[in-house]
């Protein structure tokens, strides 16, 4: 019986030493070979259009979350729940009754809209910061477009 205890404790000690040695051999420092930054990316018209597309892409997320918050939380729409059909953990009822909390299923919509809109604002700000330094044909049109999109994102946040 004592030999089994000695063998188990020796095995545990060996396993612990092995784990410590494998962690000590890990070097996580890394030098990136390249990086995409606002200073080196927006050099061509295609890259600017790609940046503009990223600002527009945030509008797709507003179709679900922003619509839910704008409609389900008012008296304009109610999601009918019949038993477990469309119950979704009480998500729709909490949104309609405006009784959500930080851990509610409906908080996913609130956080999603907030994060999505501020991502759109941030992407617009990055593009607006580099547009004055770029020589492309439609720079003024793109600037107006991005400023309008940013204003719409701010509108959603204020709403």
N, C-alpha and C. Protein backbone atom coordinates (compact mmCIF):
# COMPACT_ATOMS: atom_id res chain seq x y z
N UNK A 1 0.82 -1.19 0.00
CA UNK A 1 0.00 0.00 0.00
C UNK A 1 0.86 1.25 0.00
N UNK A 2 1.92 1.25 0.77
CA UNK A 2 2.81 2.40 0.82
C UNK A 2 3.53 2.60 -0.51
N UNK A 3 3.83 1.53 -1.23
CA UNK A 3 4.51 1.64 -2.52
C UNK A 3 3.60 2.35 -3.54
N UNK A 4 2.28 2.12 -3.44
CA UNK A 4 1.35 2.78 -4.35
C UNK A 4 1.32 4.28 -4.08
N UNK A 5 1.37 4.69 -2.82
CA UNK A 5 1.38 6.11 -2.48
C UNK A 5 2.67 6.78 -2.95
N UNK A 6 3.77 6.09 -2.79
CA UNK A 6 5.05 6.64 -3.23
C UNK A 6 5.05 6.80 -4.75
N UNK A 7 4.54 5.82 -5.46
CA UNK A 7 4.48 5.89 -6.92
C UNK A 7 3.57 7.01 -7.40
N UNK A 8 2.44 7.21 -6.74
CA UNK A 8 1.50 8.25 -7.11
C UNK A 8 2.11 9.62 -6.86
N UNK A 9 2.74 9.81 -5.71
CA UNK A 9 3.32 11.12 -5.41
C UNK A 9 4.51 11.41 -6.31
N UNK A 10 5.28 10.40 -6.66
CA UNK A 10 6.41 10.59 -7.58
C UNK A 10 5.90 10.96 -8.96
N UNK A 11 4.84 10.30 -9.41
CA UNK A 11 4.24 10.61 -10.71
C UNK A 11 3.68 12.02 -10.75
N UNK A 12 3.03 12.44 -9.66
CA UNK A 12 2.47 13.79 -9.59
C UNK A 12 3.59 14.82 -9.61
N UNK A 13 4.67 14.55 -8.90
CA UNK A 13 5.81 15.47 -8.88
C UNK A 13 6.44 15.57 -10.26
N UNK A 14 6.57 14.44 -10.93
CA UNK A 14 7.15 14.44 -12.28
C UNK A 14 6.26 15.20 -13.25
N UNK A 15 4.96 15.03 -13.15
CA UNK A 15 4.02 15.75 -14.01
C UNK A 15 4.09 17.25 -13.74
N UNK A 16 4.14 17.64 -12.47
CA UNK A 16 4.25 19.05 -12.13
C UNK A 16 5.53 19.66 -12.67
N UNK A 17 6.67 18.95 -12.56
CA UNK A 17 7.94 19.45 -13.08
C UNK A 17 7.89 19.58 -14.61
N UNK A 18 7.25 18.63 -15.26
CA UNK A 18 7.12 18.67 -16.71
C UNK A 18 6.30 19.88 -17.15
N UNK A 19 5.21 20.15 -16.44
CA UNK A 19 4.38 21.32 -16.77
C UNK A 19 5.15 22.61 -16.59
N UNK A 20 5.94 22.72 -15.53
CA UNK A 20 6.74 23.92 -15.31
C UNK A 20 7.79 24.10 -16.39
N UNK A 21 8.42 23.02 -16.81
CA UNK A 21 9.45 23.11 -17.84
C UNK A 21 8.87 23.51 -19.20
N UNK A 22 7.69 23.00 -19.54
CA UNK A 22 7.10 23.34 -20.83
C UNK A 22 6.66 24.79 -20.86
N UNK A 23 6.23 25.34 -19.75
CA UNK A 23 5.84 26.74 -19.73
C UNK A 23 7.06 27.65 -19.78
N UNK A 24 8.17 27.22 -19.22
CA UNK A 24 9.37 28.04 -19.21
C UNK A 24 9.99 28.12 -20.60
N UNK A 25 9.69 27.19 -21.47
CA UNK A 25 10.29 27.16 -22.80
C UNK A 25 9.50 27.98 -23.81
N UNK A 26 8.42 28.60 -23.41
CA UNK A 26 7.57 29.34 -24.34
C UNK A 26 8.01 30.79 -24.40
N UNK A 27 8.44 31.23 -25.57
CA UNK A 27 8.80 32.62 -25.79
C UNK A 27 7.73 33.25 -26.66
N UNK A 28 6.97 34.16 -26.10
CA UNK A 28 5.83 34.75 -26.81
C UNK A 28 6.18 36.06 -27.50
N UNK A 29 7.40 36.52 -27.39
CA UNK A 29 7.76 37.76 -28.08
C UNK A 29 7.87 37.48 -29.57
N UNK A 30 7.32 38.40 -30.35
CA UNK A 30 7.25 38.20 -31.79
C UNK A 30 7.39 39.54 -32.48
N UNK A 31 8.10 39.58 -33.56
CA UNK A 31 8.24 40.80 -34.34
C UNK A 31 7.42 40.65 -35.62
N UNK A 32 6.35 41.43 -35.77
CA UNK A 32 5.52 41.31 -36.97
C UNK A 32 6.31 41.74 -38.21
N UNK A 33 6.11 41.04 -39.29
CA UNK A 33 6.79 41.38 -40.54
C UNK A 33 6.15 42.59 -41.22
N UNK A 34 4.85 42.77 -41.01
CA UNK A 34 4.15 43.91 -41.58
C UNK A 34 2.92 44.20 -40.74
N UNK A 35 2.38 45.38 -40.90
CA UNK A 35 1.18 45.77 -40.18
C UNK A 35 0.37 46.74 -41.05
N UNK A 36 -0.93 46.61 -40.98
CA UNK A 36 -1.80 47.54 -41.69
C UNK A 36 -2.21 48.61 -40.71
N UNK A 37 -1.81 49.83 -40.98
CA UNK A 37 -2.16 50.98 -40.15
C UNK A 37 -2.75 52.06 -41.05
N UNK A 38 -3.44 53.03 -40.48
CA UNK A 38 -3.98 54.11 -41.32
C UNK A 38 -2.89 54.85 -42.10
N UNK A 39 -1.67 54.89 -41.57
CA UNK A 39 -0.59 55.60 -42.24
C UNK A 39 -0.09 54.87 -43.49
N UNK A 40 -0.16 53.54 -43.51
CA UNK A 40 0.39 52.83 -44.67
C UNK A 40 -0.66 52.11 -45.51
N UNK A 41 -1.91 52.16 -45.12
CA UNK A 41 -2.91 51.41 -45.89
C UNK A 41 -3.61 52.26 -46.92
N UNK A 42 -4.09 53.40 -46.57
CA UNK A 42 -4.92 54.22 -47.47
C UNK A 42 -4.04 54.96 -48.47
N UNK A 43 -3.51 54.21 -49.46
CA UNK A 43 -2.63 54.79 -50.47
C UNK A 43 -3.30 54.88 -51.84
N UNK A 44 -4.27 54.01 -52.12
CA UNK A 44 -4.93 53.99 -53.43
C UNK A 44 -6.42 54.20 -53.25
N UNK A 45 -7.07 54.47 -54.37
CA UNK A 45 -8.52 54.67 -54.33
C UNK A 45 -9.24 53.39 -53.91
N UNK A 46 -8.75 52.24 -54.33
CA UNK A 46 -9.36 50.97 -53.95
C UNK A 46 -9.29 50.74 -52.43
N UNK A 47 -8.19 51.13 -51.83
CA UNK A 47 -8.05 50.97 -50.38
C UNK A 47 -9.00 51.92 -49.63
N UNK A 48 -9.20 53.12 -50.18
CA UNK A 48 -10.15 54.06 -49.58
C UNK A 48 -11.57 53.52 -49.70
N UNK A 49 -11.91 52.96 -50.85
CA UNK A 49 -13.24 52.36 -51.05
C UNK A 49 -13.42 51.19 -50.10
N UNK A 50 -12.38 50.42 -49.87
CA UNK A 50 -12.44 49.32 -48.89
C UNK A 50 -12.70 49.85 -47.49
N UNK A 51 -12.07 50.96 -47.13
CA UNK A 51 -12.33 51.58 -45.83
C UNK A 51 -13.75 52.10 -45.74
N UNK A 52 -14.25 52.66 -46.84
CA UNK A 52 -15.64 53.14 -46.87
C UNK A 52 -16.61 51.96 -46.73
N UNK A 53 -16.29 50.85 -47.36
CA UNK A 53 -17.15 49.65 -47.24
C UNK A 53 -17.20 49.17 -45.80
N UNK A 54 -16.09 49.29 -45.07
CA UNK A 54 -16.11 48.85 -43.67
C UNK A 54 -17.00 49.74 -42.82
N UNK A 55 -17.11 51.02 -43.18
CA UNK A 55 -18.03 51.90 -42.45
C UNK A 55 -19.47 51.52 -42.76
N UNK A 56 -19.75 51.22 -44.01
CA UNK A 56 -21.09 50.79 -44.41
C UNK A 56 -21.46 49.44 -43.80
N UNK A 57 -20.49 48.57 -43.58
CA UNK A 57 -20.81 47.21 -43.11
C UNK A 57 -21.48 47.21 -41.74
N UNK A 58 -21.26 48.24 -40.95
CA UNK A 58 -21.92 48.32 -39.65
C UNK A 58 -23.43 48.49 -39.75
N UNK A 59 -23.90 48.95 -40.89
CA UNK A 59 -25.35 49.12 -41.05
C UNK A 59 -26.08 47.79 -41.05
N UNK A 60 -25.39 46.74 -41.46
CA UNK A 60 -26.01 45.42 -41.49
C UNK A 60 -26.42 44.98 -40.09
N UNK A 61 -25.58 45.26 -39.11
CA UNK A 61 -25.89 44.88 -37.73
C UNK A 61 -27.07 45.63 -37.16
N UNK A 62 -27.38 46.81 -37.71
CA UNK A 62 -28.50 47.58 -37.19
C UNK A 62 -29.84 47.01 -37.62
N UNK A 63 -29.83 46.13 -38.61
CA UNK A 63 -31.10 45.56 -39.07
C UNK A 63 -31.75 44.70 -37.99
N UNK A 64 -30.97 44.05 -37.16
CA UNK A 64 -31.52 43.17 -36.13
C UNK A 64 -31.64 43.89 -34.79
N UNK A 65 -30.53 44.25 -34.22
CA UNK A 65 -30.53 44.80 -32.86
C UNK A 65 -31.22 46.14 -32.73
N UNK A 66 -30.89 47.08 -33.61
CA UNK A 66 -31.49 48.41 -33.52
C UNK A 66 -33.00 48.34 -33.78
N UNK A 67 -33.39 47.52 -34.73
CA UNK A 67 -34.81 47.35 -35.00
C UNK A 67 -35.52 46.78 -33.78
N UNK A 68 -34.92 45.75 -33.16
CA UNK A 68 -35.54 45.17 -31.97
C UNK A 68 -35.70 46.20 -30.86
N UNK A 69 -34.67 46.99 -30.62
CA UNK A 69 -34.76 47.99 -29.56
C UNK A 69 -35.73 49.10 -29.90
N UNK A 70 -35.82 49.45 -31.17
CA UNK A 70 -36.72 50.53 -31.59
C UNK A 70 -38.18 50.12 -31.60
N UNK A 71 -38.45 48.86 -31.85
CA UNK A 71 -39.82 48.42 -32.02
C UNK A 71 -40.35 47.59 -30.86
N UNK A 72 -39.58 46.59 -30.41
CA UNK A 72 -40.07 45.69 -29.38
C UNK A 72 -40.21 46.40 -28.04
N UNK A 73 -39.41 47.42 -27.78
CA UNK A 73 -39.47 48.13 -26.51
C UNK A 73 -40.60 49.17 -26.48
N UNK A 74 -41.35 49.30 -27.57
CA UNK A 74 -42.45 50.25 -27.62
C UNK A 74 -43.77 49.48 -27.74
N UNK A 75 -44.84 50.22 -27.96
CA UNK A 75 -46.13 49.56 -28.13
C UNK A 75 -46.43 49.27 -29.60
N UNK A 76 -45.44 49.45 -30.47
CA UNK A 76 -45.65 49.20 -31.90
C UNK A 76 -45.63 47.72 -32.26
N UNK A 77 -44.89 46.92 -31.49
CA UNK A 77 -44.74 45.51 -31.83
C UNK A 77 -44.60 44.71 -30.55
N UNK A 78 -45.12 43.51 -30.56
CA UNK A 78 -44.89 42.56 -29.49
C UNK A 78 -44.65 41.20 -30.12
N UNK A 79 -43.68 40.50 -29.59
CA UNK A 79 -43.36 39.18 -30.11
C UNK A 79 -44.23 38.19 -29.35
N UNK A 80 -45.17 37.53 -30.03
CA UNK A 80 -46.05 36.60 -29.32
C UNK A 80 -45.31 35.36 -28.87
N UNK A 81 -45.46 35.03 -27.61
CA UNK A 81 -44.85 33.80 -27.09
C UNK A 81 -45.97 32.86 -26.68
N UNK A 82 -45.90 31.67 -27.22
CA UNK A 82 -46.89 30.64 -26.90
C UNK A 82 -46.13 29.44 -26.37
N UNK A 83 -46.11 29.31 -25.07
CA UNK A 83 -45.29 28.26 -24.47
C UNK A 83 -43.82 28.60 -24.66
N UNK A 84 -43.06 27.69 -25.20
CA UNK A 84 -41.64 27.94 -25.46
C UNK A 84 -41.39 28.52 -26.85
N UNK A 85 -42.43 28.62 -27.68
CA UNK A 85 -42.28 29.17 -29.02
C UNK A 85 -42.03 30.66 -28.94
N UNK A 86 -40.88 31.11 -29.38
CA UNK A 86 -40.44 32.50 -29.34
C UNK A 86 -40.25 33.03 -27.93
N UNK A 87 -40.13 32.17 -26.95
CA UNK A 87 -39.89 32.63 -25.58
C UNK A 87 -38.46 33.10 -25.41
N UNK A 88 -37.49 32.31 -25.90
CA UNK A 88 -36.07 32.65 -25.90
C UNK A 88 -35.58 33.14 -24.54
N UNK A 89 -35.93 32.41 -23.50
CA UNK A 89 -35.46 32.75 -22.16
C UNK A 89 -36.08 34.02 -21.60
N UNK A 90 -37.18 34.46 -22.15
CA UNK A 90 -37.83 35.68 -21.68
C UNK A 90 -37.30 36.95 -22.33
N UNK A 91 -36.47 36.79 -23.34
CA UNK A 91 -35.82 37.93 -24.01
C UNK A 91 -36.82 38.96 -24.53
N UNK A 92 -37.81 38.51 -25.28
CA UNK A 92 -38.75 39.44 -25.91
C UNK A 92 -39.67 40.09 -24.89
N UNK A 93 -40.06 39.33 -23.87
CA UNK A 93 -40.91 39.91 -22.83
C UNK A 93 -40.16 40.98 -22.05
N UNK A 94 -38.89 40.73 -21.72
CA UNK A 94 -38.10 41.73 -21.00
C UNK A 94 -37.90 43.00 -21.83
N UNK A 95 -37.65 42.83 -23.12
CA UNK A 95 -37.50 44.01 -23.96
C UNK A 95 -38.80 44.79 -24.05
N UNK A 96 -39.91 44.08 -24.24
CA UNK A 96 -41.20 44.78 -24.36
C UNK A 96 -41.59 45.47 -23.06
N UNK A 97 -41.34 44.81 -21.95
CA UNK A 97 -41.69 45.39 -20.64
C UNK A 97 -40.63 46.34 -20.11
N UNK A 98 -39.49 46.41 -20.78
CA UNK A 98 -38.35 47.23 -20.37
C UNK A 98 -37.92 46.90 -18.95
N UNK A 99 -37.77 45.60 -18.70
CA UNK A 99 -37.37 45.13 -17.37
C UNK A 99 -36.04 44.37 -17.43
N UNK A 100 -35.18 44.73 -18.38
CA UNK A 100 -33.93 44.00 -18.52
C UNK A 100 -32.93 44.41 -17.46
N UNK A 101 -31.95 43.55 -17.29
CA UNK A 101 -30.84 43.83 -16.37
C UNK A 101 -29.54 43.48 -17.09
N UNK A 102 -28.43 43.57 -16.39
CA UNK A 102 -27.13 43.31 -17.01
C UNK A 102 -26.99 41.86 -17.47
N UNK A 103 -27.72 40.95 -16.84
CA UNK A 103 -27.62 39.53 -17.20
C UNK A 103 -28.82 39.03 -18.00
N UNK A 104 -29.67 39.92 -18.43
CA UNK A 104 -30.87 39.53 -19.18
C UNK A 104 -30.51 39.04 -20.58
N UNK A 105 -31.35 38.16 -21.14
CA UNK A 105 -31.13 37.76 -22.53
C UNK A 105 -31.26 38.93 -23.49
N UNK A 106 -32.08 39.91 -23.18
CA UNK A 106 -32.26 41.09 -24.03
C UNK A 106 -31.08 42.04 -24.03
N UNK A 107 -30.19 41.90 -23.05
CA UNK A 107 -29.00 42.76 -23.00
C UNK A 107 -28.10 42.53 -24.20
N UNK A 108 -28.23 41.37 -24.82
CA UNK A 108 -27.45 41.08 -26.03
C UNK A 108 -27.77 42.09 -27.13
N UNK A 109 -29.04 42.46 -27.28
CA UNK A 109 -29.42 43.46 -28.28
C UNK A 109 -28.87 44.83 -27.92
N UNK A 110 -28.97 45.20 -26.66
CA UNK A 110 -28.51 46.51 -26.23
C UNK A 110 -27.00 46.63 -26.43
N UNK A 111 -26.25 45.65 -25.96
CA UNK A 111 -24.80 45.67 -26.12
C UNK A 111 -24.39 45.60 -27.58
N UNK A 112 -25.11 44.79 -28.35
CA UNK A 112 -24.79 44.65 -29.77
C UNK A 112 -24.97 45.95 -30.53
N UNK A 113 -26.06 46.65 -30.29
CA UNK A 113 -26.30 47.92 -30.97
C UNK A 113 -25.26 48.94 -30.55
N UNK A 114 -24.96 48.99 -29.27
CA UNK A 114 -23.97 49.95 -28.75
C UNK A 114 -22.60 49.70 -29.38
N UNK A 115 -22.15 48.46 -29.35
CA UNK A 115 -20.84 48.12 -29.91
C UNK A 115 -20.80 48.33 -31.41
N UNK A 116 -21.85 47.96 -32.11
CA UNK A 116 -21.91 48.09 -33.55
C UNK A 116 -21.87 49.56 -33.97
N UNK A 117 -22.65 50.40 -33.30
CA UNK A 117 -22.68 51.82 -33.66
C UNK A 117 -21.35 52.50 -33.36
N UNK A 118 -20.75 52.20 -32.23
CA UNK A 118 -19.46 52.81 -31.92
C UNK A 118 -18.34 52.28 -32.82
N UNK A 119 -18.46 51.05 -33.29
CA UNK A 119 -17.50 50.54 -34.27
C UNK A 119 -17.63 51.33 -35.57
N UNK A 120 -18.85 51.61 -35.98
CA UNK A 120 -19.07 52.44 -37.18
C UNK A 120 -18.50 53.83 -37.02
N UNK A 121 -18.67 54.43 -35.85
CA UNK A 121 -18.12 55.75 -35.58
C UNK A 121 -16.59 55.70 -35.64
N UNK A 122 -16.00 54.70 -35.01
CA UNK A 122 -14.54 54.58 -34.99
C UNK A 122 -13.98 54.38 -36.40
N UNK A 123 -14.61 53.53 -37.19
CA UNK A 123 -14.14 53.31 -38.57
C UNK A 123 -14.27 54.58 -39.40
N UNK A 124 -15.37 55.31 -39.19
CA UNK A 124 -15.55 56.57 -39.91
C UNK A 124 -14.48 57.58 -39.50
N UNK A 125 -14.17 57.64 -38.22
CA UNK A 125 -13.15 58.59 -37.76
C UNK A 125 -11.77 58.27 -38.33
N UNK A 126 -11.44 56.99 -38.41
CA UNK A 126 -10.15 56.60 -39.00
C UNK A 126 -10.08 57.05 -40.45
N UNK A 127 -11.13 56.79 -41.20
CA UNK A 127 -11.14 57.18 -42.61
C UNK A 127 -11.12 58.69 -42.77
N UNK A 128 -11.88 59.40 -41.95
CA UNK A 128 -11.89 60.86 -42.03
C UNK A 128 -10.55 61.48 -41.66
N UNK A 129 -9.79 60.81 -40.81
CA UNK A 129 -8.49 61.35 -40.42
C UNK A 129 -7.45 61.24 -41.54
N UNK A 130 -7.60 60.27 -42.43
CA UNK A 130 -6.62 60.11 -43.51
C UNK A 130 -7.07 60.71 -44.83
N UNK A 131 -8.34 60.97 -45.01
CA UNK A 131 -8.83 61.48 -46.29
C UNK A 131 -8.22 62.82 -46.70
N UNK A 132 -7.98 63.77 -45.80
CA UNK A 132 -7.37 65.04 -46.26
C UNK A 132 -5.98 64.88 -46.86
N UNK A 133 -5.28 63.81 -46.54
CA UNK A 133 -3.91 63.61 -47.03
C UNK A 133 -3.83 62.74 -48.26
N UNK A 134 -4.97 62.36 -48.84
CA UNK A 134 -4.99 61.43 -49.98
C UNK A 134 -5.47 62.18 -51.22
N UNK A 135 -4.80 61.93 -52.32
CA UNK A 135 -5.18 62.56 -53.58
C UNK A 135 -5.95 61.56 -54.43
N UNK A 136 -7.29 61.58 -54.29
CA UNK A 136 -8.15 60.75 -55.14
C UNK A 136 -9.23 61.64 -55.73
N UNK A 137 -9.84 61.19 -56.79
CA UNK A 137 -10.78 62.02 -57.54
C UNK A 137 -12.02 62.41 -56.72
N UNK A 138 -12.62 61.47 -56.01
CA UNK A 138 -13.89 61.73 -55.32
C UNK A 138 -13.72 61.95 -53.82
N UNK A 139 -12.63 62.55 -53.43
CA UNK A 139 -12.34 62.70 -52.00
C UNK A 139 -13.43 63.49 -51.27
N UNK A 140 -13.92 64.57 -51.85
CA UNK A 140 -14.95 65.37 -51.17
C UNK A 140 -16.27 64.62 -51.05
N UNK A 141 -16.61 63.85 -52.07
CA UNK A 141 -17.85 63.06 -52.04
C UNK A 141 -17.74 61.97 -50.97
N UNK A 142 -16.60 61.29 -50.93
CA UNK A 142 -16.39 60.22 -49.94
C UNK A 142 -16.38 60.81 -48.54
N UNK A 143 -15.77 61.98 -48.37
CA UNK A 143 -15.76 62.64 -47.06
C UNK A 143 -17.18 62.94 -46.60
N UNK A 144 -18.00 63.47 -47.49
CA UNK A 144 -19.40 63.77 -47.14
C UNK A 144 -20.17 62.49 -46.81
N UNK A 145 -19.90 61.45 -47.56
CA UNK A 145 -20.56 60.16 -47.34
C UNK A 145 -20.20 59.60 -45.96
N UNK A 146 -18.92 59.63 -45.62
CA UNK A 146 -18.47 59.09 -44.34
C UNK A 146 -19.00 59.93 -43.18
N UNK A 147 -19.03 61.24 -43.35
CA UNK A 147 -19.56 62.10 -42.29
C UNK A 147 -21.06 61.84 -42.08
N UNK A 148 -21.79 61.57 -43.14
CA UNK A 148 -23.21 61.25 -43.03
C UNK A 148 -23.41 59.92 -42.32
N UNK A 149 -22.60 58.93 -42.68
CA UNK A 149 -22.70 57.63 -42.00
C UNK A 149 -22.37 57.77 -40.52
N UNK A 150 -21.35 58.54 -40.19
CA UNK A 150 -20.98 58.74 -38.79
C UNK A 150 -22.12 59.43 -38.04
N UNK A 151 -22.76 60.42 -38.68
CA UNK A 151 -23.90 61.10 -38.05
C UNK A 151 -25.05 60.12 -37.81
N UNK A 152 -25.27 59.21 -38.75
CA UNK A 152 -26.33 58.22 -38.57
C UNK A 152 -26.03 57.29 -37.41
N UNK A 153 -24.78 56.86 -37.29
CA UNK A 153 -24.40 56.02 -36.14
C UNK A 153 -24.61 56.77 -34.82
N UNK A 154 -24.23 58.05 -34.81
CA UNK A 154 -24.46 58.84 -33.59
C UNK A 154 -25.96 58.99 -33.31
N UNK A 155 -26.75 59.12 -34.36
CA UNK A 155 -28.20 59.20 -34.18
C UNK A 155 -28.72 57.92 -33.52
N UNK A 156 -28.26 56.76 -33.99
CA UNK A 156 -28.70 55.50 -33.40
C UNK A 156 -28.28 55.43 -31.94
N UNK A 157 -27.10 55.89 -31.62
CA UNK A 157 -26.64 55.86 -30.22
C UNK A 157 -27.48 56.79 -29.36
N UNK A 158 -27.83 57.95 -29.86
CA UNK A 158 -28.64 58.88 -29.07
C UNK A 158 -30.08 58.41 -28.96
N UNK A 159 -30.57 57.75 -29.99
CA UNK A 159 -31.94 57.26 -29.99
C UNK A 159 -32.06 56.14 -28.96
